[in-house]
Amino acid sequence: MSDRAQELLREALTLTPAERADVAAELLASLDEPMENPTEVEAAWAAEIERRARRVLSGESIGESWEDVRDRVARRLTK
């Protein structure tokens, strides 16, 4: 992450939770490209969800606890 991006993130983290949610939603929306065929997008997401669920149910993927992920992200942000 660039210095500028880290600076913006630190500043954004001082916002209220509602303000952070609004900023996050706007940032995510800015990454979306116009959907040419929403049905295809929905089908692709459904297939991906099924694939991930099968991996978890078969024991192939155990995932990570929220606490571990949160701690890892926090460590990265304090670097």
N, C-alpha and C. Protein backbone atom coordinates (compact mmCIF):
# COMPACT_ATOMS: atom_id res chain seq x y z
N MET A 1 0.85 -1.16 0.00
CA MET A 1 0.00 0.00 0.00
C MET A 1 0.90 1.23 0.00
N SER A 2 0.58 2.19 -0.81
CA SER A 2 1.39 3.40 -0.90
C SER A 2 1.27 4.22 0.38
N ASP A 3 2.22 5.13 0.55
CA ASP A 3 2.17 6.03 1.71
C ASP A 3 0.88 6.85 1.71
N ARG A 4 0.48 7.31 0.54
CA ARG A 4 -0.74 8.11 0.42
C ARG A 4 -1.96 7.29 0.83
N ALA A 5 -2.01 6.04 0.38
CA ALA A 5 -3.14 5.18 0.73
C ALA A 5 -3.16 4.91 2.24
N GLN A 6 -2.00 4.68 2.83
CA GLN A 6 -1.93 4.46 4.28
C GLN A 6 -2.39 5.69 5.04
N GLU A 7 -2.00 6.85 4.54
CA GLU A 7 -2.42 8.10 5.18
C GLU A 7 -3.93 8.26 5.11
N LEU A 8 -4.50 7.98 3.95
CA LEU A 8 -5.95 8.08 3.81
C LEU A 8 -6.66 7.07 4.70
N LEU A 9 -6.12 5.87 4.81
CA LEU A 9 -6.71 4.86 5.67
C LEU A 9 -6.68 5.29 7.12
N ARG A 10 -5.54 5.78 7.58
CA ARG A 10 -5.45 6.24 8.97
C ARG A 10 -6.48 7.35 9.24
N GLU A 11 -6.62 8.25 8.29
CA GLU A 11 -7.59 9.34 8.45
C GLU A 11 -9.02 8.79 8.44
N ALA A 12 -9.29 7.86 7.55
CA ALA A 12 -10.64 7.28 7.46
C ALA A 12 -11.01 6.54 8.74
N LEU A 13 -10.03 5.94 9.38
CA LEU A 13 -10.31 5.19 10.60
C LEU A 13 -10.70 6.09 11.77
N THR A 14 -10.54 7.39 11.63
CA THR A 14 -10.97 8.32 12.68
C THR A 14 -12.45 8.69 12.53
N LEU A 15 -13.06 8.30 11.43
CA LEU A 15 -14.47 8.59 11.19
C LEU A 15 -15.36 7.71 12.07
N THR A 16 -16.59 8.10 12.20
CA THR A 16 -17.55 7.28 12.93
C THR A 16 -17.78 5.99 12.13
N PRO A 17 -18.28 4.95 12.78
CA PRO A 17 -18.56 3.71 12.05
C PRO A 17 -19.50 3.93 10.85
N ALA A 18 -20.51 4.76 11.01
CA ALA A 18 -21.44 5.02 9.90
C ALA A 18 -20.74 5.73 8.75
N GLU A 19 -19.88 6.68 9.07
CA GLU A 19 -19.14 7.39 8.02
C GLU A 19 -18.17 6.44 7.32
N ARG A 20 -17.50 5.57 8.09
CA ARG A 20 -16.59 4.59 7.48
C ARG A 20 -17.35 3.65 6.56
N ALA A 21 -18.54 3.24 6.97
CA ALA A 21 -19.35 2.35 6.13
C ALA A 21 -19.72 3.05 4.82
N ASP A 22 -20.08 4.32 4.89
CA ASP A 22 -20.41 5.07 3.69
C ASP A 22 -19.21 5.18 2.76
N VAL A 23 -18.05 5.50 3.32
CA VAL A 23 -16.83 5.62 2.51
C VAL A 23 -16.49 4.27 1.88
N ALA A 24 -16.58 3.20 2.67
CA ALA A 24 -16.27 1.87 2.15
C ALA A 24 -17.21 1.50 1.01
N ALA A 25 -18.48 1.78 1.18
CA ALA A 25 -19.46 1.47 0.13
C ALA A 25 -19.15 2.24 -1.15
N GLU A 26 -18.81 3.50 -1.02
CA GLU A 26 -18.48 4.31 -2.19
C GLU A 26 -17.22 3.80 -2.88
N LEU A 27 -16.21 3.44 -2.09
CA LEU A 27 -14.97 2.91 -2.68
C LEU A 27 -15.24 1.60 -3.42
N LEU A 28 -16.00 0.72 -2.80
CA LEU A 28 -16.33 -0.54 -3.46
C LEU A 28 -17.12 -0.31 -4.74
N ALA A 29 -18.08 0.58 -4.67
CA ALA A 29 -18.88 0.87 -5.86
C ALA A 29 -18.03 1.44 -6.98
N SER A 30 -16.98 2.18 -6.63
CA SER A 30 -16.13 2.77 -7.66
C SER A 30 -15.33 1.71 -8.42
N LEU A 31 -15.21 0.51 -7.86
CA LEU A 31 -14.48 -0.57 -8.52
C LEU A 31 -15.35 -1.37 -9.48
N ASP A 32 -16.65 -1.25 -9.32
CA ASP A 32 -17.57 -2.02 -10.15
C ASP A 32 -17.59 -1.50 -11.58
N GLU A 33 -17.53 -2.44 -12.48
CA GLU A 33 -17.73 -2.09 -13.88
C GLU A 33 -19.20 -2.32 -14.19
N PRO A 34 -19.73 -1.59 -15.15
CA PRO A 34 -21.14 -1.80 -15.49
C PRO A 34 -21.37 -3.26 -15.87
N MET A 35 -22.44 -3.84 -15.36
CA MET A 35 -22.77 -5.22 -15.68
C MET A 35 -23.42 -5.30 -17.04
N GLU A 36 -22.83 -6.12 -17.91
CA GLU A 36 -23.45 -6.31 -19.21
C GLU A 36 -24.59 -7.31 -19.12
N ASN A 37 -24.41 -8.32 -18.24
CA ASN A 37 -25.44 -9.33 -18.09
C ASN A 37 -25.53 -9.72 -16.61
N PRO A 38 -26.41 -9.07 -15.85
CA PRO A 38 -26.51 -9.35 -14.42
C PRO A 38 -26.80 -10.82 -14.11
N THR A 39 -27.53 -11.50 -14.98
CA THR A 39 -27.84 -12.91 -14.75
C THR A 39 -26.58 -13.75 -14.75
N GLU A 40 -25.66 -13.44 -15.65
CA GLU A 40 -24.38 -14.17 -15.70
C GLU A 40 -23.56 -13.90 -14.44
N VAL A 41 -23.58 -12.66 -13.98
CA VAL A 41 -22.84 -12.31 -12.76
C VAL A 41 -23.40 -13.07 -11.57
N GLU A 42 -24.72 -13.09 -11.44
CA GLU A 42 -25.35 -13.82 -10.34
C GLU A 42 -25.04 -15.30 -10.41
N ALA A 43 -25.05 -15.87 -11.60
CA ALA A 43 -24.74 -17.29 -11.78
C ALA A 43 -23.29 -17.58 -11.41
N ALA A 44 -22.39 -16.67 -11.77
CA ALA A 44 -20.97 -16.86 -11.43
C ALA A 44 -20.76 -16.80 -9.92
N TRP A 45 -21.44 -15.87 -9.25
CA TRP A 45 -21.32 -15.79 -7.79
C TRP A 45 -21.91 -17.03 -7.14
N ALA A 46 -23.04 -17.50 -7.62
CA ALA A 46 -23.66 -18.71 -7.06
C ALA A 46 -22.71 -19.90 -7.20
N ALA A 47 -22.07 -20.03 -8.36
CA ALA A 47 -21.12 -21.13 -8.58
C ALA A 47 -19.92 -21.01 -7.65
N GLU A 48 -19.43 -19.79 -7.45
CA GLU A 48 -18.29 -19.59 -6.54
C GLU A 48 -18.66 -19.91 -5.10
N ILE A 49 -19.84 -19.51 -4.67
CA ILE A 49 -20.30 -19.81 -3.32
C ILE A 49 -20.42 -21.32 -3.14
N GLU A 50 -20.97 -22.00 -4.13
CA GLU A 50 -21.09 -23.46 -4.06
C GLU A 50 -19.71 -24.11 -3.97
N ARG A 51 -18.77 -23.63 -4.78
CA ARG A 51 -17.42 -24.18 -4.78
C ARG A 51 -16.78 -24.03 -3.40
N ARG A 52 -16.91 -22.85 -2.82
CA ARG A 52 -16.32 -22.60 -1.50
C ARG A 52 -17.01 -23.43 -0.43
N ALA A 53 -18.32 -23.54 -0.50
CA ALA A 53 -19.05 -24.33 0.49
C ALA A 53 -18.63 -25.80 0.42
N ARG A 54 -18.48 -26.33 -0.79
CA ARG A 54 -18.04 -27.73 -0.94
C ARG A 54 -16.66 -27.94 -0.33
N ARG A 55 -15.75 -26.98 -0.51
CA ARG A 55 -14.41 -27.10 0.08
C ARG A 55 -14.47 -27.12 1.60
N VAL A 56 -15.32 -26.30 2.17
CA VAL A 56 -15.44 -26.26 3.64
C VAL A 56 -16.07 -27.56 4.13
N LEU A 57 -17.16 -27.99 3.49
CA LEU A 57 -17.86 -29.19 3.93
C LEU A 57 -17.00 -30.44 3.80
N SER A 58 -16.11 -30.46 2.81
CA SER A 58 -15.24 -31.63 2.62
C SER A 58 -14.02 -31.60 3.54
N GLY A 59 -13.82 -30.48 4.22
CA GLY A 59 -12.65 -30.35 5.10
C GLY A 59 -11.40 -29.87 4.38
N GLU A 60 -11.52 -29.63 3.08
CA GLU A 60 -10.37 -29.15 2.30
C GLU A 60 -9.95 -27.75 2.73
N SER A 61 -10.92 -26.95 3.14
CA SER A 61 -10.66 -25.57 3.57
C SER A 61 -11.26 -25.38 4.94
N ILE A 62 -10.43 -24.98 5.90
CA ILE A 62 -10.96 -24.78 7.25
C ILE A 62 -11.16 -23.31 7.58
N GLY A 63 -10.66 -22.44 6.74
CA GLY A 63 -10.83 -21.01 6.97
C GLY A 63 -9.95 -20.51 8.10
N GLU A 64 -10.22 -19.28 8.54
CA GLU A 64 -9.48 -18.67 9.62
C GLU A 64 -10.46 -18.01 10.57
N SER A 65 -10.09 -17.96 11.82
CA SER A 65 -10.97 -17.30 12.79
C SER A 65 -10.92 -15.78 12.56
N TRP A 66 -12.01 -15.12 12.91
CA TRP A 66 -12.07 -13.66 12.78
C TRP A 66 -10.95 -13.02 13.61
N GLU A 67 -10.71 -13.55 14.79
CA GLU A 67 -9.68 -12.97 15.67
C GLU A 67 -8.31 -13.00 15.00
N ASP A 68 -7.97 -14.13 14.35
CA ASP A 68 -6.68 -14.23 13.67
C ASP A 68 -6.58 -13.25 12.51
N VAL A 69 -7.63 -13.17 11.72
CA VAL A 69 -7.64 -12.25 10.57
C VAL A 69 -7.53 -10.81 11.06
N ARG A 70 -8.33 -10.46 12.08
CA ARG A 70 -8.31 -9.10 12.62
C ARG A 70 -6.92 -8.74 13.14
N ASP A 71 -6.30 -9.66 13.86
CA ASP A 71 -4.96 -9.39 14.40
C ASP A 71 -3.93 -9.21 13.29
N ARG A 72 -4.02 -10.04 12.24
CA ARG A 72 -3.09 -9.92 11.12
C ARG A 72 -3.26 -8.57 10.42
N VAL A 73 -4.49 -8.15 10.20
CA VAL A 73 -4.73 -6.86 9.56
C VAL A 73 -4.24 -5.73 10.43
N ALA A 74 -4.50 -5.80 11.71
CA ALA A 74 -4.06 -4.76 12.64
C ALA A 74 -2.53 -4.64 12.62
N ARG A 75 -1.84 -5.78 12.60
CA ARG A 75 -0.37 -5.73 12.54
C ARG A 75 0.11 -5.05 11.26
N ARG A 76 -0.55 -5.35 10.14
CA ARG A 76 -0.15 -4.74 8.87
C ARG A 76 -0.38 -3.23 8.88
N LEU A 77 -1.44 -2.81 9.53
CA LEU A 77 -1.77 -1.38 9.55
C LEU A 77 -0.84 -0.59 10.47
N THR A 78 -0.19 -1.25 11.40
CA THR A 78 0.68 -0.53 12.32
C THR A 78 2.12 -0.51 11.85
N LYS A 79 2.39 -1.10 10.71
CA LYS A 79 3.76 -1.10 10.17
C LYS A 79 4.13 0.25 9.60
